[in-house]
């Protein structure tokens, strides 16, 4: 069992109360939001909160406006394509890191 001194750092299994860290492998392995407890093998989901949905909404707004900013200020077509793809790649990894940290502290519910 994984123990942590910080509360809220790991997900809790709703069945056996096992503390489970949402690692990068588990994060990308559960694209539909279903997780499996390694201790009791129960399938559970995360309870999405209003703050989580606010995070998603603000992320979408940021991506839209920052993308418009790049498109308006970079006029060379070749530079625009490369810059935009690099920018989206960086945003993807930053978003996944922050989202995984937020999901790690969300409450869980059995399916």
N, C-alpha and C. Protein backbone atom coordinates (compact mmCIF):
# COMPACT_ATOMS: atom_id res chain seq x y z
N UNK A 1 0.84 -1.17 0.00
CA UNK A 1 0.00 0.00 0.00
C UNK A 1 0.89 1.24 0.00
N UNK A 2 0.52 2.23 -0.81
CA UNK A 2 1.28 3.47 -0.90
C UNK A 2 0.78 4.40 0.19
N UNK A 3 1.70 4.88 0.99
CA UNK A 3 1.35 5.82 2.07
C UNK A 3 1.95 7.17 1.75
N UNK A 4 1.27 8.20 2.14
CA UNK A 4 1.76 9.55 1.94
C UNK A 4 1.46 10.38 3.19
N UNK A 5 2.38 11.27 3.51
CA UNK A 5 2.15 12.17 4.64
C UNK A 5 1.19 13.28 4.27
N UNK A 6 1.14 13.63 2.97
CA UNK A 6 0.24 14.68 2.50
C UNK A 6 -1.13 14.07 2.19
N UNK A 7 -2.17 14.64 2.75
CA UNK A 7 -3.52 14.17 2.47
C UNK A 7 -3.98 14.76 1.15
N UNK A 8 -4.79 14.01 0.40
CA UNK A 8 -5.30 14.50 -0.86
C UNK A 8 -4.34 14.32 -2.02
N UNK A 9 -3.21 13.70 -1.79
CA UNK A 9 -2.20 13.51 -2.83
C UNK A 9 -2.55 12.35 -3.74
N UNK A 10 -3.24 11.36 -3.23
CA UNK A 10 -3.56 10.16 -3.98
C UNK A 10 -5.07 9.96 -4.05
N UNK A 11 -5.49 9.20 -5.07
CA UNK A 11 -6.89 8.79 -5.15
C UNK A 11 -7.12 7.71 -4.11
N UNK A 12 -8.34 7.60 -3.62
CA UNK A 12 -8.70 6.54 -2.67
C UNK A 12 -9.67 5.59 -3.34
N UNK A 13 -9.42 4.29 -3.22
CA UNK A 13 -10.36 3.30 -3.73
C UNK A 13 -11.63 3.37 -2.88
N UNK A 14 -12.82 3.47 -3.49
CA UNK A 14 -14.06 3.56 -2.70
C UNK A 14 -14.41 2.26 -2.00
N UNK A 15 -13.80 1.14 -2.39
CA UNK A 15 -14.11 -0.15 -1.80
C UNK A 15 -13.19 -0.48 -0.62
N UNK A 16 -11.89 -0.45 -0.85
CA UNK A 16 -10.94 -0.87 0.19
C UNK A 16 -10.14 0.28 0.79
N UNK A 17 -10.39 1.51 0.32
CA UNK A 17 -9.72 2.72 0.80
C UNK A 17 -8.21 2.72 0.54
N UNK A 18 -7.77 1.96 -0.44
CA UNK A 18 -6.36 1.95 -0.85
C UNK A 18 -6.01 3.29 -1.48
N UNK A 19 -4.86 3.83 -1.14
CA UNK A 19 -4.40 5.07 -1.75
C UNK A 19 -3.66 4.72 -3.04
N UNK A 20 -4.12 5.31 -4.15
CA UNK A 20 -3.59 4.99 -5.46
C UNK A 20 -3.11 6.28 -6.11
N UNK A 21 -1.85 6.29 -6.53
CA UNK A 21 -1.32 7.47 -7.22
C UNK A 21 -1.68 7.40 -8.69
N UNK A 22 -2.17 8.49 -9.23
CA UNK A 22 -2.50 8.56 -10.64
C UNK A 22 -1.22 8.90 -11.40
N UNK A 23 -0.48 7.87 -11.77
CA UNK A 23 0.76 8.06 -12.51
C UNK A 23 0.45 8.39 -13.96
N UNK A 24 1.48 8.76 -14.70
CA UNK A 24 1.30 9.07 -16.12
C UNK A 24 0.78 7.85 -16.87
N UNK A 25 1.28 6.67 -16.53
CA UNK A 25 0.83 5.43 -17.19
C UNK A 25 -0.65 5.18 -16.91
N UNK A 26 -1.08 5.34 -15.66
CA UNK A 26 -2.49 5.15 -15.31
C UNK A 26 -3.36 6.24 -15.94
N UNK A 27 -2.84 7.46 -16.00
CA UNK A 27 -3.59 8.58 -16.57
C UNK A 27 -3.92 8.32 -18.04
N UNK A 28 -2.92 7.94 -18.83
CA UNK A 28 -3.15 7.69 -20.25
C UNK A 28 -3.80 6.33 -20.50
N UNK A 29 -3.72 5.41 -19.53
CA UNK A 29 -4.36 4.11 -19.66
C UNK A 29 -5.85 4.13 -19.35
N UNK A 30 -6.31 5.22 -18.78
CA UNK A 30 -7.74 5.32 -18.43
C UNK A 30 -8.34 6.55 -19.12
N UNK A 31 -8.33 6.54 -20.42
CA UNK A 31 -8.81 7.69 -21.18
C UNK A 31 -10.29 7.98 -20.96
N UNK A 32 -11.07 6.98 -20.58
CA UNK A 32 -12.50 7.18 -20.35
C UNK A 32 -12.81 7.42 -18.88
N UNK A 33 -11.78 7.59 -18.05
CA UNK A 33 -11.97 7.95 -16.65
C UNK A 33 -12.24 6.80 -15.71
N UNK A 34 -12.11 5.56 -16.18
CA UNK A 34 -12.32 4.41 -15.30
C UNK A 34 -10.96 3.91 -14.83
N UNK A 35 -10.85 3.72 -13.53
CA UNK A 35 -9.60 3.27 -12.92
C UNK A 35 -9.84 1.94 -12.21
N UNK A 36 -8.80 1.14 -12.10
CA UNK A 36 -8.88 -0.16 -11.43
C UNK A 36 -7.97 -0.14 -10.21
N UNK A 37 -8.52 -0.52 -9.08
CA UNK A 37 -7.74 -0.59 -7.85
C UNK A 37 -6.77 -1.77 -7.94
N UNK A 38 -5.48 -1.55 -7.71
CA UNK A 38 -4.53 -2.67 -7.76
C UNK A 38 -4.68 -3.64 -6.58
N UNK A 39 -5.36 -3.22 -5.53
CA UNK A 39 -5.52 -4.05 -4.34
C UNK A 39 -6.74 -4.97 -4.44
N UNK A 40 -7.92 -4.41 -4.76
CA UNK A 40 -9.16 -5.21 -4.76
C UNK A 40 -9.77 -5.38 -6.15
N UNK A 41 -9.17 -4.77 -7.15
CA UNK A 41 -9.58 -4.88 -8.57
C UNK A 41 -10.96 -4.31 -8.86
N UNK A 42 -11.49 -3.47 -8.01
CA UNK A 42 -12.77 -2.83 -8.30
C UNK A 42 -12.53 -1.68 -9.29
N UNK A 43 -13.51 -1.44 -10.14
CA UNK A 43 -13.43 -0.33 -11.10
C UNK A 43 -14.14 0.87 -10.49
N UNK A 44 -13.48 2.02 -10.53
CA UNK A 44 -14.08 3.23 -9.98
C UNK A 44 -13.80 4.42 -10.89
N UNK A 45 -14.56 5.48 -10.65
CA UNK A 45 -14.41 6.72 -11.41
C UNK A 45 -14.14 7.86 -10.44
N UNK A 46 -13.75 8.97 -11.00
CA UNK A 46 -13.54 10.17 -10.20
C UNK A 46 -14.81 11.01 -10.20
N UNK A 47 -15.09 11.64 -9.08
CA UNK A 47 -16.22 12.57 -9.00
C UNK A 47 -15.71 13.93 -9.48
N UNK A 48 -16.25 14.40 -10.57
CA UNK A 48 -15.84 15.69 -11.13
C UNK A 48 -16.51 16.80 -10.32
N UNK A 49 -15.72 17.80 -9.96
CA UNK A 49 -16.22 18.91 -9.16
C UNK A 49 -16.40 20.15 -10.04
N UNK A 50 -17.02 21.17 -9.49
CA UNK A 50 -17.21 22.42 -10.23
C UNK A 50 -15.85 23.06 -10.55
N UNK A 51 -14.91 22.94 -9.65
CA UNK A 51 -13.57 23.50 -9.89
C UNK A 51 -12.89 22.78 -11.04
N UNK A 52 -13.10 21.48 -11.15
CA UNK A 52 -12.52 20.73 -12.26
C UNK A 52 -13.11 21.20 -13.59
N UNK A 53 -14.42 21.39 -13.65
CA UNK A 53 -15.04 21.86 -14.87
C UNK A 53 -14.64 23.30 -15.19
N UNK A 54 -14.40 24.10 -14.16
CA UNK A 54 -13.88 25.45 -14.37
C UNK A 54 -12.49 25.38 -14.99
N UNK A 55 -11.65 24.46 -14.52
CA UNK A 55 -10.32 24.24 -15.08
C UNK A 55 -10.42 23.88 -16.56
N UNK A 56 -11.33 22.99 -16.93
CA UNK A 56 -11.50 22.60 -18.33
C UNK A 56 -11.94 23.81 -19.16
N UNK A 57 -12.92 24.56 -18.66
CA UNK A 57 -13.44 25.73 -19.38
C UNK A 57 -12.34 26.77 -19.59
N UNK A 58 -11.59 27.08 -18.54
CA UNK A 58 -10.52 28.07 -18.66
C UNK A 58 -9.41 27.60 -19.59
N UNK A 59 -9.14 26.31 -19.60
CA UNK A 59 -8.13 25.76 -20.51
C UNK A 59 -8.55 25.94 -21.96
N UNK A 60 -9.81 25.68 -22.26
CA UNK A 60 -10.30 25.84 -23.63
C UNK A 60 -10.24 27.30 -24.05
N UNK A 61 -10.65 28.20 -23.17
CA UNK A 61 -10.58 29.64 -23.47
C UNK A 61 -9.14 30.06 -23.73
N UNK A 62 -8.22 29.60 -22.89
CA UNK A 62 -6.81 29.94 -23.07
C UNK A 62 -6.27 29.45 -24.40
N UNK A 63 -6.58 28.21 -24.75
CA UNK A 63 -6.09 27.65 -26.02
C UNK A 63 -6.66 28.42 -27.21
N UNK A 64 -7.93 28.75 -27.18
CA UNK A 64 -8.55 29.47 -28.30
C UNK A 64 -7.91 30.85 -28.47
N UNK A 65 -7.81 31.61 -27.39
CA UNK A 65 -7.28 32.96 -27.51
C UNK A 65 -5.77 32.97 -27.80
N UNK A 66 -5.04 32.08 -27.20
CA UNK A 66 -3.61 32.05 -27.50
C UNK A 66 -3.36 31.56 -28.93
N UNK A 67 -4.19 30.68 -29.44
CA UNK A 67 -4.07 30.23 -30.83
C UNK A 67 -4.37 31.38 -31.79
N UNK A 68 -5.40 32.15 -31.48
CA UNK A 68 -5.71 33.33 -32.31
C UNK A 68 -4.56 34.33 -32.28
N UNK A 69 -3.94 34.48 -31.13
CA UNK A 69 -2.79 35.38 -31.00
C UNK A 69 -1.66 34.94 -31.91
N UNK A 70 -1.34 33.66 -31.91
CA UNK A 70 -0.27 33.14 -32.76
C UNK A 70 -0.63 33.32 -34.23
N UNK A 71 -1.84 32.99 -34.60
CA UNK A 71 -2.25 33.08 -36.00
C UNK A 71 -2.22 34.54 -36.49
N UNK A 72 -2.59 35.49 -35.64
CA UNK A 72 -2.61 36.90 -36.05
C UNK A 72 -1.23 37.53 -36.14
N UNK A 73 -0.28 37.08 -35.33
CA UNK A 73 1.02 37.74 -35.29
C UNK A 73 2.12 37.02 -36.05
N UNK A 74 1.88 35.83 -36.49
CA UNK A 74 2.87 35.13 -37.32
C UNK A 74 2.27 35.07 -38.72
N UNK A 75 2.88 35.79 -39.65
CA UNK A 75 2.30 35.89 -40.99
C UNK A 75 2.92 34.94 -42.00
N UNK A 76 4.14 34.49 -41.78
CA UNK A 76 4.79 33.56 -42.70
C UNK A 76 4.15 32.19 -42.55
N UNK A 77 3.63 31.61 -43.63
CA UNK A 77 2.89 30.35 -43.57
C UNK A 77 3.74 29.19 -43.04
N UNK A 78 5.01 29.08 -43.50
CA UNK A 78 5.86 27.98 -43.02
C UNK A 78 6.15 28.12 -41.53
N UNK A 79 6.47 29.31 -41.11
CA UNK A 79 6.76 29.55 -39.69
C UNK A 79 5.50 29.31 -38.86
N UNK A 80 4.36 29.73 -39.38
CA UNK A 80 3.10 29.55 -38.66
C UNK A 80 2.81 28.08 -38.40
N UNK A 81 2.95 27.24 -39.41
CA UNK A 81 2.67 25.81 -39.24
C UNK A 81 3.58 25.19 -38.19
N UNK A 82 4.87 25.46 -38.28
CA UNK A 82 5.83 24.88 -37.33
C UNK A 82 5.59 25.42 -35.93
N UNK A 83 5.44 26.73 -35.83
CA UNK A 83 5.23 27.36 -34.53
C UNK A 83 3.96 26.84 -33.87
N UNK A 84 2.91 26.76 -34.64
CA UNK A 84 1.63 26.33 -34.10
C UNK A 84 1.68 24.87 -33.63
N UNK A 85 2.32 24.00 -34.39
CA UNK A 85 2.40 22.59 -34.00
C UNK A 85 3.26 22.42 -32.74
N UNK A 86 4.37 23.14 -32.66
CA UNK A 86 5.22 23.08 -31.46
C UNK A 86 4.44 23.61 -30.26
N UNK A 87 3.73 24.70 -30.45
CA UNK A 87 2.93 25.30 -29.39
C UNK A 87 1.86 24.32 -28.89
N UNK A 88 1.14 23.69 -29.81
CA UNK A 88 0.11 22.73 -29.41
C UNK A 88 0.72 21.51 -28.70
N UNK A 89 1.89 21.07 -29.13
CA UNK A 89 2.56 19.95 -28.47
C UNK A 89 2.94 20.30 -27.04
N UNK A 90 3.49 21.48 -26.84
CA UNK A 90 3.86 21.92 -25.49
C UNK A 90 2.61 22.06 -24.63
N UNK A 91 1.56 22.66 -25.18
CA UNK A 91 0.31 22.80 -24.43
C UNK A 91 -0.27 21.46 -24.02
N UNK A 92 -0.17 20.47 -24.90
CA UNK A 92 -0.70 19.14 -24.60
C UNK A 92 -0.01 18.56 -23.36
N UNK A 93 1.32 18.63 -23.32
CA UNK A 93 2.05 18.05 -22.20
C UNK A 93 1.82 18.84 -20.91
N UNK A 94 1.74 20.16 -21.00
CA UNK A 94 1.48 20.98 -19.81
C UNK A 94 0.07 20.69 -19.29
N UNK A 95 -0.90 20.63 -20.21
CA UNK A 95 -2.28 20.34 -19.81
C UNK A 95 -2.38 18.97 -19.14
N UNK A 96 -1.77 17.96 -19.73
CA UNK A 96 -1.84 16.61 -19.16
C UNK A 96 -1.21 16.56 -17.77
N UNK A 97 -0.10 17.26 -17.57
CA UNK A 97 0.55 17.28 -16.26
C UNK A 97 -0.36 17.92 -15.22
N UNK A 98 -0.92 19.08 -15.54
CA UNK A 98 -1.79 19.78 -14.59
C UNK A 98 -3.07 18.99 -14.35
N UNK A 99 -3.67 18.45 -15.40
CA UNK A 99 -4.90 17.68 -15.27
C UNK A 99 -4.68 16.43 -14.41
N UNK A 100 -3.56 15.76 -14.60
CA UNK A 100 -3.26 14.57 -13.80
C UNK A 100 -3.12 14.93 -12.32
N UNK A 101 -2.48 16.06 -12.02
CA UNK A 101 -2.33 16.50 -10.64
C UNK A 101 -3.69 16.84 -10.03
N UNK A 102 -4.56 17.47 -10.79
CA UNK A 102 -5.89 17.81 -10.29
C UNK A 102 -6.71 16.53 -10.07
N UNK A 103 -6.69 15.62 -11.05
CA UNK A 103 -7.46 14.38 -10.92
C UNK A 103 -6.96 13.51 -9.77
N UNK A 104 -5.69 13.61 -9.43
CA UNK A 104 -5.13 12.82 -8.34
C UNK A 104 -5.78 13.17 -7.00
N UNK A 105 -6.29 14.38 -6.88
CA UNK A 105 -6.88 14.80 -5.61
C UNK A 105 -8.41 14.78 -5.60
N UNK A 106 -9.04 14.35 -6.71
CA UNK A 106 -10.49 14.30 -6.75
C UNK A 106 -11.03 13.11 -5.95
N UNK A 107 -12.22 13.23 -5.39
CA UNK A 107 -12.85 12.08 -4.72
C UNK A 107 -13.26 11.02 -5.73
N UNK A 108 -13.44 9.80 -5.27
CA UNK A 108 -13.77 8.68 -6.16
C UNK A 108 -15.14 8.11 -5.82
N UNK A 109 -15.69 7.36 -6.80
CA UNK A 109 -16.96 6.65 -6.57
C UNK A 109 -16.90 5.32 -7.33
N UNK A 110 -17.50 4.30 -6.75
CA UNK A 110 -17.54 2.99 -7.37
C UNK A 110 -18.50 3.01 -8.55
N UNK A 111 -18.22 2.18 -9.54
CA UNK A 111 -19.09 2.07 -10.71
C UNK A 111 -20.04 0.91 -10.51
